[in-house]
Amino acid sequence: MCFSSAASFAAAGLLLPAGLATTRHCRRSGRWDLLPLALSPLLFGVQQALEGLVWIGLDGGELEPLTRNAAVAYLFFAHAFWLAWIPFCALHYGQDSRPVFQPRGRQLMLAGGLAMGLWLWLPLLLDPGRIHPTVVRGSIDYLPVLPGHGLVSHEVGTLVYGLVISLPLILTGSRRLTWFAAALIAAFALAQVSYLHAFSSVWCYFSALLSLLLLWVVREARPVRPQLR
C-alpha cells in the first residue's frame, strides 16, 4: 500500500462532509452526548489535510517552513489531541444514564491521556528541530525525538497509546462504540506488524478512515436509564 499527498487530501475530502453529517444527525436527534464523538471525522479530516501539506513539502524537497510547521500541527493531533479527545468523548457519552465505567474512573483516564499528550507534544512545539519527517517505503516517518527516548521501547509506548484510545470507548457499554474500538485495535495491529517504520502516520490514516463508521455509531439508540426500585 502506498500513501501520498493525494491519498491524504482525498481522505480529508471524504471526512469533512462525513463529519458534517454526523454532527447534523446528533443535533437533529438531540444526542448531545455524542456530539464530541460526531465531530471526530471533521477533526481527522483536518489532520489528514495537514499531512497532505507535509507530503507536498517532502515531494518538493522543502523542509522549511511549510513542512516542519505542518508536521508539528499534524503531530499535535497524533501525539496529544486524540489521547485526550477520545477519553473526553467516552466521558461525555451517555452522561444522562448509568455508565458501565464510573465517571471518576473515566475522568482519570481523561487526565492521564491529557498528561501523556502534553508530555509527548510540548517538546516538539518548543523545539520543532526534534522532528525530521522523511518518506520510508511509501509512508511518512516523522522521526520525532520524544521525551524518554531510549528508555521506553516503541512497542510499549504504542501499546499504552492504543489502550488510552480504545479502552475508554469499550468501557462506555455501547455496543457500536465497542465495535468501533475493535476496528481501531485491528488497525493498530496492522500498523504495528506491517508499518512499524511509520506507525503514527499509518495508524492515524487508518483511524481517520474508520471514523466514517461514526455515522453508524451515532445512530445507536439512546442508553436507557435504569429504573430505581
C-alpha atoms as a PDB file:
ATOM      1  CA  MET A   1       0.000   0.000   0.000  1.00  0.00           C
ATOM      2  CA  CYS A   2       1.303   3.438  -0.884  1.00  0.00           C
ATOM      3  CA  PHE A   3       0.416   6.795   0.669  1.00  0.00           C
ATOM      4  CA  SER A   4       0.767  10.240  -0.840  1.00  0.00           C
ATOM      5  CA  SER A   5      -0.494  13.807  -0.737  1.00  0.00           C
ATOM      6  CA  ALA A   6      -3.350  12.701  -2.986  1.00  0.00           C
ATOM      7  CA  ALA A   7      -4.341   9.968  -0.507  1.00  0.00           C
ATOM      8  CA  SER A   8      -4.253  12.408   2.410  1.00  0.00           C
ATOM      9  CA  PHE A   9      -6.252  15.101   0.638  1.00  0.00           C
ATOM     10  CA  ALA A  10      -8.741  12.527  -0.660  1.00  0.00           C
ATOM     11  CA  ALA A  11      -9.272  11.278   2.892  1.00  0.00           C
ATOM     12  CA  ALA A  12      -9.745  14.864   4.087  1.00  0.00           C
ATOM     13  CA  GLY A  13     -12.275  15.494   1.308  1.00  0.00           C
ATOM     14  CA  LEU A  14     -14.222  12.413   2.375  1.00  0.00           C
ATOM     15  CA  LEU A  15     -14.062  13.043   6.111  1.00  0.00           C
ATOM     16  CA  LEU A  16     -15.124  16.680   6.200  1.00  0.00           C
ATOM     17  CA  PRO A  17     -18.636  16.112   4.772  1.00  0.00           C
ATOM     18  CA  ALA A  18     -18.934  12.911   6.828  1.00  0.00           C
ATOM     19  CA  GLY A  19     -18.241  14.941   9.961  1.00  0.00           C
ATOM     20  CA  LEU A  20     -20.905  17.448   8.968  1.00  0.00           C
ATOM     21  CA  ALA A  21     -23.371  14.579   8.509  1.00  0.00           C
ATOM     22  CA  THR A  22     -22.641  13.047  11.923  1.00  0.00           C
ATOM     23  CA  THR A  23     -22.917  16.380  13.747  1.00  0.00           C
ATOM     24  CA  ARG A  24     -26.143  17.229  11.899  1.00  0.00           C
ATOM     25  CA  HIS A  25     -27.645  13.898  12.944  1.00  0.00           C
ATOM     26  CA  CYS A  26     -26.704  14.452  16.598  1.00  0.00           C
ATOM     27  CA  ARG A  27     -28.260  17.907  16.592  1.00  0.00           C
ATOM     28  CA  ARG A  28     -31.469  16.725  14.950  1.00  0.00           C
ATOM     29  CA  SER A  29     -31.823  13.691  17.211  1.00  0.00           C
ATOM     30  CA  GLY A  30     -30.900  15.532  20.399  1.00  0.00           C
ATOM     31  CA  ARG A  31     -27.942  13.213  21.046  1.00  0.00           C
ATOM     32  CA  TRP A  32     -25.777  15.915  22.591  1.00  0.00           C
ATOM     33  CA  ASP A  33     -23.831  13.274  24.489  1.00  0.00           C
ATOM     34  CA  LEU A  34     -22.498  12.002  21.136  1.00  0.00           C
ATOM     35  CA  LEU A  35     -21.709  15.407  19.647  1.00  0.00           C
ATOM     36  CA  PRO A  36     -17.994  15.392  20.603  1.00  0.00           C
ATOM     37  CA  LEU A  37     -17.605  11.975  19.006  1.00  0.00           C
ATOM     38  CA  ALA A  38     -19.544  13.144  15.942  1.00  0.00           C
ATOM     39  CA  LEU A  39     -17.017  15.948  15.430  1.00  0.00           C
ATOM     40  CA  SER A  40     -14.165  13.436  15.144  1.00  0.00           C
ATOM     41  CA  PRO A  41     -14.385  12.860  11.351  1.00  0.00           C
ATOM     42  CA  LEU A  42     -14.085  16.618  10.832  1.00  0.00           C
ATOM     43  CA  LEU A  43     -11.024  16.728  13.054  1.00  0.00           C
ATOM     44  CA  PHE A  44      -9.495  13.706  11.347  1.00  0.00           C
ATOM     45  CA  GLY A  45     -10.104  15.497   8.058  1.00  0.00           C
ATOM     46  CA  VAL A  46      -8.108  18.498   9.273  1.00  0.00           C
ATOM     47  CA  GLN A  47      -5.309  16.192  10.395  1.00  0.00           C
ATOM     48  CA  GLN A  48      -5.180  14.440   7.029  1.00  0.00           C
ATOM     49  CA  ALA A  49      -5.096  17.778   5.212  1.00  0.00           C
ATOM     50  CA  LEU A  50      -2.098  18.730   7.352  1.00  0.00           C
ATOM     51  CA  GLU A  51      -0.317  15.538   6.378  1.00  0.00           C
ATOM     52  CA  GLY A  52      -1.101  16.351   2.749  1.00  0.00           C
ATOM     53  CA  LEU A  53       0.855  19.577   3.243  1.00  0.00           C
ATOM     54  CA  VAL A  54       3.728  17.586   4.737  1.00  0.00           C
ATOM     55  CA  TRP A  55       3.720  15.373   1.644  1.00  0.00           C
ATOM     56  CA  ILE A  56       3.827  18.416  -0.643  1.00  0.00           C
ATOM     57  CA  GLY A  57       6.828  19.768   1.247  1.00  0.00           C
ATOM     58  CA  LEU A  58       8.650  16.436   1.149  1.00  0.00           C
ATOM     59  CA  ASP A  59       7.896  15.917  -2.545  1.00  0.00           C
ATOM     60  CA  GLY A  60       9.337  19.350  -3.242  1.00  0.00           C
ATOM     61  CA  GLY A  61      12.369  18.799  -1.047  1.00  0.00           C
ATOM     62  CA  GLU A  62      11.463  21.722   1.231  1.00  0.00           C
ATOM     63  CA  LEU A  63      11.586  21.168   4.992  1.00  0.00           C
ATOM     64  CA  GLU A  64      11.156  24.821   5.914  1.00  0.00           C
ATOM     65  CA  PRO A  65       8.867  26.392   6.797  1.00  0.00           C
ATOM     66  CA  LEU A  66       5.758  24.645   5.456  1.00  0.00           C
ATOM     67  CA  THR A  67       6.731  21.035   6.001  1.00  0.00           C
ATOM     68  CA  ARG A  68       8.011  21.371   9.546  1.00  0.00           C
ATOM     69  CA  ASN A  69       5.124  23.600  10.692  1.00  0.00           C
ATOM     70  CA  ALA A  70       2.590  21.252   9.133  1.00  0.00           C
ATOM     71  CA  ALA A  71       4.373  18.315  10.776  1.00  0.00           C
ATOM     72  CA  VAL A  72       4.204  19.988  14.212  1.00  0.00           C
ATOM     73  CA  ALA A  73       0.478  20.624  13.715  1.00  0.00           C
ATOM     74  CA  TYR A  74      -0.076  17.063  12.461  1.00  0.00           C
ATOM     75  CA  LEU A  75       1.727  15.596  15.462  1.00  0.00           C
ATOM     76  CA  PHE A  76      -0.423  17.746  17.754  1.00  0.00           C
ATOM     77  CA  PHE A  77      -3.308  15.522  16.696  1.00  0.00           C
ATOM     78  CA  ALA A  78      -1.310  12.283  16.594  1.00  0.00           C
ATOM     79  CA  HIS A  79       0.612  12.703  19.867  1.00  0.00           C
ATOM     80  CA  ALA A  80      -1.636  14.893  22.001  1.00  0.00           C
ATOM     81  CA  PHE A  81      -5.148  15.648  20.827  1.00  0.00           C
ATOM     82  CA  TRP A  82      -6.545  12.143  20.323  1.00  0.00           C
ATOM     83  CA  LEU A  83      -5.139  10.971  23.654  1.00  0.00           C
ATOM     84  CA  ALA A  84      -7.382  13.498  25.400  1.00  0.00           C
ATOM     85  CA  TRP A  85     -10.262  13.796  22.929  1.00  0.00           C
ATOM     86  CA  ILE A  86     -11.274  10.131  22.751  1.00  0.00           C
ATOM     87  CA  PRO A  87     -11.428   9.723  26.571  1.00  0.00           C
ATOM     88  CA  PHE A  88     -13.389  13.006  26.677  1.00  0.00           C
ATOM     89  CA  CYS A  89     -15.859  11.623  24.126  1.00  0.00           C
ATOM     90  CA  ALA A  90     -16.229   8.478  26.228  1.00  0.00           C
ATOM     91  CA  LEU A  91     -16.755  10.543  29.375  1.00  0.00           C
ATOM     92  CA  HIS A  92     -19.435  12.600  27.628  1.00  0.00           C
ATOM     93  CA  TYR A  93     -21.245   9.554  26.222  1.00  0.00           C
ATOM     94  CA  GLY A  94     -24.494   8.630  27.943  1.00  0.00           C
ATOM     95  CA  GLN A  95     -23.986  11.179  30.681  1.00  0.00           C
ATOM     96  CA  ASP A  96     -27.694  11.035  31.485  1.00  0.00           C
ATOM     97  CA  SER A  97     -27.588   7.261  32.023  1.00  0.00           C
ATOM     98  CA  ARG A  98     -25.644   4.882  34.212  1.00  0.00           C
ATOM     99  CA  PRO A  99     -22.303   4.074  32.540  1.00  0.00           C
ATOM    100  CA  VAL A 100     -20.507   0.758  32.763  1.00  0.00           C
ATOM    101  CA  PHE A 101     -17.363   2.560  33.852  1.00  0.00           C
ATOM    102  CA  GLN A 102     -17.948   5.023  36.672  1.00  0.00           C
ATOM    103  CA  PRO A 103     -17.363   8.689  35.753  1.00  0.00           C
ATOM    104  CA  ARG A 104     -14.487   9.148  38.207  1.00  0.00           C
ATOM    105  CA  GLY A 105     -12.521   6.396  36.503  1.00  0.00           C
ATOM    106  CA  ARG A 106     -13.210   7.893  33.090  1.00  0.00           C
ATOM    107  CA  GLN A 107     -12.115  11.281  34.381  1.00  0.00           C
ATOM    108  CA  LEU A 108      -8.830   9.717  35.489  1.00  0.00           C
ATOM    109  CA  MET A 109      -8.350   8.237  32.022  1.00  0.00           C
ATOM    110  CA  LEU A 110      -9.011  11.653  30.501  1.00  0.00           C
ATOM    111  CA  ALA A 111      -6.471  13.257  32.846  1.00  0.00           C
ATOM    112  CA  GLY A 112      -3.938  10.538  32.025  1.00  0.00           C
ATOM    113  CA  GLY A 113      -4.433  10.977  28.281  1.00  0.00           C
ATOM    114  CA  LEU A 114      -4.099  14.745  28.578  1.00  0.00           C
ATOM    115  CA  ALA A 115      -0.905  14.460  30.612  1.00  0.00           C
ATOM    116  CA  MET A 116       0.595  11.908  28.224  1.00  0.00           C
ATOM    117  CA  GLY A 117      -0.312  14.035  25.208  1.00  0.00           C
ATOM    118  CA  LEU A 118       1.265  17.172  26.624  1.00  0.00           C
ATOM    119  CA  TRP A 119       4.375  15.218  27.609  1.00  0.00           C
ATOM    120  CA  LEU A 120       4.761  13.888  24.067  1.00  0.00           C
ATOM    121  CA  TRP A 121       3.913  17.005  22.071  1.00  0.00           C
ATOM    122  CA  LEU A 122       5.053  20.081  24.008  1.00  0.00           C
ATOM    123  CA  PRO A 123       8.776  19.348  23.455  1.00  0.00           C
ATOM    124  CA  LEU A 124       8.075  19.179  19.704  1.00  0.00           C
ATOM    125  CA  LEU A 125       6.245  22.505  19.808  1.00  0.00           C
ATOM    126  CA  LEU A 126       9.029  24.169  21.761  1.00  0.00           C
ATOM    127  CA  ASP A 127      11.750  22.661  19.574  1.00  0.00           C
ATOM    128  CA  PRO A 128      10.470  21.751  16.072  1.00  0.00           C
ATOM    129  CA  GLY A 129      14.013  20.661  15.242  1.00  0.00           C
ATOM    130  CA  ARG A 130      13.162  17.430  17.071  1.00  0.00           C
ATOM    131  CA  ILE A 131      11.020  16.443  14.062  1.00  0.00           C
ATOM    132  CA  HIS A 132      12.681  15.013  10.942  1.00  0.00           C
ATOM    133  CA  PRO A 133       9.915  13.906   8.545  1.00  0.00           C
ATOM    134  CA  THR A 134      11.071  11.599   5.791  1.00  0.00           C
ATOM    135  CA  VAL A 135       9.475   9.107   3.407  1.00  0.00           C
ATOM    136  CA  VAL A 136      10.219   5.484   4.248  1.00  0.00           C
ATOM    137  CA  ARG A 137       8.809   2.752   1.995  1.00  0.00           C
ATOM    138  CA  GLY A 138       5.931   4.910   0.795  1.00  0.00           C
ATOM    139  CA  SER A 139       4.875   6.307   4.186  1.00  0.00           C
ATOM    140  CA  ILE A 140       5.978   9.232   6.335  1.00  0.00           C
ATOM    141  CA  ASP A 141       8.180   8.598   9.326  1.00  0.00           C
ATOM    142  CA  TYR A 142       8.316  11.787  11.383  1.00  0.00           C
ATOM    143  CA  LEU A 143      11.348  10.583  13.363  1.00  0.00           C
ATOM    144  CA  PRO A 144      10.462  12.724  16.409  1.00  0.00           C
ATOM    145  CA  VAL A 145      12.885  12.829  19.311  1.00  0.00           C
ATOM    146  CA  LEU A 146      10.468  12.243  22.186  1.00  0.00           C
ATOM    147  CA  PRO A 147      10.901  12.510  25.952  1.00  0.00           C
ATOM    148  CA  GLY A 148      12.186   9.246  27.364  1.00  0.00           C
ATOM    149  CA  HIS A 149      13.771   8.348  24.030  1.00  0.00           C
ATOM    150  CA  GLY A 150      15.722   5.146  24.531  1.00  0.00           C
ATOM    151  CA  LEU A 151      14.151   4.467  27.937  1.00  0.00           C
ATOM    152  CA  VAL A 152      10.757   3.219  26.754  1.00  0.00           C
ATOM    153  CA  SER A 153      10.555   0.836  23.815  1.00  0.00           C
ATOM    154  CA  HIS A 154       8.435   1.721  20.812  1.00  0.00           C
ATOM    155  CA  GLU A 155       6.262  -1.344  21.379  1.00  0.00           C
ATOM    156  CA  VAL A 156       5.487  -0.440  24.995  1.00  0.00           C
ATOM    157  CA  GLY A 157       4.846   3.210  24.147  1.00  0.00           C
ATOM    158  CA  THR A 158       2.453   2.445  21.319  1.00  0.00           C
ATOM    159  CA  LEU A 159       0.682  -0.204  23.410  1.00  0.00           C
ATOM    160  CA  VAL A 160      -0.052   2.357  26.130  1.00  0.00           C
ATOM    161  CA  TYR A 161      -1.173   4.802  23.452  1.00  0.00           C
ATOM    162  CA  GLY A 162      -3.537   2.208  21.964  1.00  0.00           C
ATOM    163  CA  LEU A 163      -5.041   1.401  25.359  1.00  0.00           C
ATOM    164  CA  VAL A 164      -5.662   5.074  26.168  1.00  0.00           C
ATOM    165  CA  ILE A 165      -7.516   5.421  22.855  1.00  0.00           C
ATOM    166  CA  SER A 166      -9.531   2.190  22.759  1.00  0.00           C
ATOM    167  CA  LEU A 167     -10.276   1.249  26.360  1.00  0.00           C
ATOM    168  CA  PRO A 168     -12.495   4.269  27.205  1.00  0.00           C
ATOM    169  CA  LEU A 169     -14.674   3.500  24.160  1.00  0.00           C
ATOM    170  CA  ILE A 170     -15.104  -0.133  25.170  1.00  0.00           C
ATOM    171  CA  LEU A 171     -15.985   0.780  28.748  1.00  0.00           C
ATOM    172  CA  THR A 172     -18.838   3.081  27.728  1.00  0.00           C
ATOM    173  CA  GLY A 173     -21.044  -0.003  27.428  1.00  0.00           C
ATOM    174  CA  SER A 174     -22.114   0.998  23.905  1.00  0.00           C
ATOM    175  CA  ARG A 175     -22.161  -1.986  21.560  1.00  0.00           C
ATOM    176  CA  ARG A 176     -21.449   0.115  18.493  1.00  0.00           C
ATOM    177  CA  LEU A 177     -18.627   2.004  20.179  1.00  0.00           C
ATOM    178  CA  THR A 178     -17.166  -1.345  21.212  1.00  0.00           C
ATOM    179  CA  TRP A 179     -17.190  -2.463  17.585  1.00  0.00           C
ATOM    180  CA  PHE A 180     -15.600   0.842  16.588  1.00  0.00           C
ATOM    181  CA  ALA A 181     -12.898   0.341  19.217  1.00  0.00           C
ATOM    182  CA  ALA A 182     -12.339  -3.211  17.942  1.00  0.00           C
ATOM    183  CA  ALA A 183     -11.815  -1.817  14.435  1.00  0.00           C
ATOM    184  CA  LEU A 184      -9.266   0.660  15.806  1.00  0.00           C
ATOM    185  CA  ILE A 185      -7.462  -2.171  17.584  1.00  0.00           C
ATOM    186  CA  ALA A 186      -7.346  -4.188  14.348  1.00  0.00           C
ATOM    187  CA  ALA A 187      -5.902  -1.153  12.542  1.00  0.00           C
ATOM    188  CA  PHE A 188      -3.403  -0.764  15.394  1.00  0.00           C
ATOM    189  CA  ALA A 189      -2.248  -4.363  14.979  1.00  0.00           C
ATOM    190  CA  LEU A 190      -1.924  -3.977  11.200  1.00  0.00           C
ATOM    191  CA  ALA A 191       0.099  -0.778  11.570  1.00  0.00           C
ATOM    192  CA  GLN A 192       2.362  -2.427  14.154  1.00  0.00           C
ATOM    193  CA  VAL A 193       3.001  -5.512  12.047  1.00  0.00           C
ATOM    194  CA  SER A 194       3.248  -4.010   8.569  1.00  0.00           C
ATOM    195  CA  TYR A 195       4.108  -0.331   9.043  1.00  0.00           C
ATOM    196  CA  LEU A 196       6.166  -0.125  12.215  1.00  0.00           C
ATOM    197  CA  HIS A 197       8.546   2.267  10.484  1.00  0.00           C
ATOM    198  CA  ALA A 198       5.732   4.828  10.120  1.00  0.00           C
ATOM    199  CA  PHE A 199       3.308   3.720  12.823  1.00  0.00           C
ATOM    200  CA  SER A 200       1.913   7.147  13.821  1.00  0.00           C
ATOM    201  CA  SER A 201       1.175   8.188  10.250  1.00  0.00           C
ATOM    202  CA  VAL A 202      -0.337   4.891   9.147  1.00  0.00           C
ATOM    203  CA  TRP A 203      -2.484   4.217  12.222  1.00  0.00           C
ATOM    204  CA  CYS A 204      -3.817   7.768  12.113  1.00  0.00           C
ATOM    205  CA  TYR A 205      -4.669   7.289   8.439  1.00  0.00           C
ATOM    206  CA  PHE A 206      -6.485   4.021   9.121  1.00  0.00           C
ATOM    207  CA  SER A 207      -8.246   5.539  12.146  1.00  0.00           C
ATOM    208  CA  ALA A 208      -9.315   8.531  10.076  1.00  0.00           C
ATOM    209  CA  LEU A 209     -10.968   6.252   7.516  1.00  0.00           C
ATOM    210  CA  LEU A 210     -12.552   4.171  10.280  1.00  0.00           C
ATOM    211  CA  SER A 211     -14.090   7.333  11.744  1.00  0.00           C
ATOM    212  CA  LEU A 212     -16.548   7.114   8.850  1.00  0.00           C
ATOM    213  CA  LEU A 213     -18.170   4.375  10.955  1.00  0.00           C
ATOM    214  CA  LEU A 214     -19.195   7.059  13.423  1.00  0.00           C
ATOM    215  CA  LEU A 215     -22.139   7.923  11.193  1.00  0.00           C
ATOM    216  CA  TRP A 216     -23.391   4.423  12.099  1.00  0.00           C
ATOM    217  CA  VAL A 217     -22.353   4.754  15.753  1.00  0.00           C
ATOM    218  CA  VAL A 218     -24.262   7.990  16.386  1.00  0.00           C
ATOM    219  CA  ARG A 219     -27.461   6.333  15.155  1.00  0.00           C
ATOM    220  CA  GLU A 220     -27.389   3.899  18.071  1.00  0.00           C
ATOM    221  CA  ALA A 221     -30.374   4.105  20.395  1.00  0.00           C
ATOM    222  CA  ARG A 222     -30.008   6.275  23.474  1.00  0.00           C
ATOM    223  CA  PRO A 223     -28.882   4.345  26.570  1.00  0.00           C
ATOM    224  CA  VAL A 224     -31.782   3.578  28.865  1.00  0.00           C
ATOM    225  CA  ARG A 225     -31.620   4.989  32.358  1.00  0.00           C
ATOM    226  CA  PRO A 226     -32.061   2.164  34.869  1.00  0.00           C
ATOM    227  CA  GLN A 227     -35.278   2.356  36.844  1.00  0.00           C
ATOM    228  CA  LEU A 228     -34.816   2.701  40.575  1.00  0.00           C
ATOM    229  CA  ARG A 229     -36.891   0.363  42.683  1.00  0.00           C
END
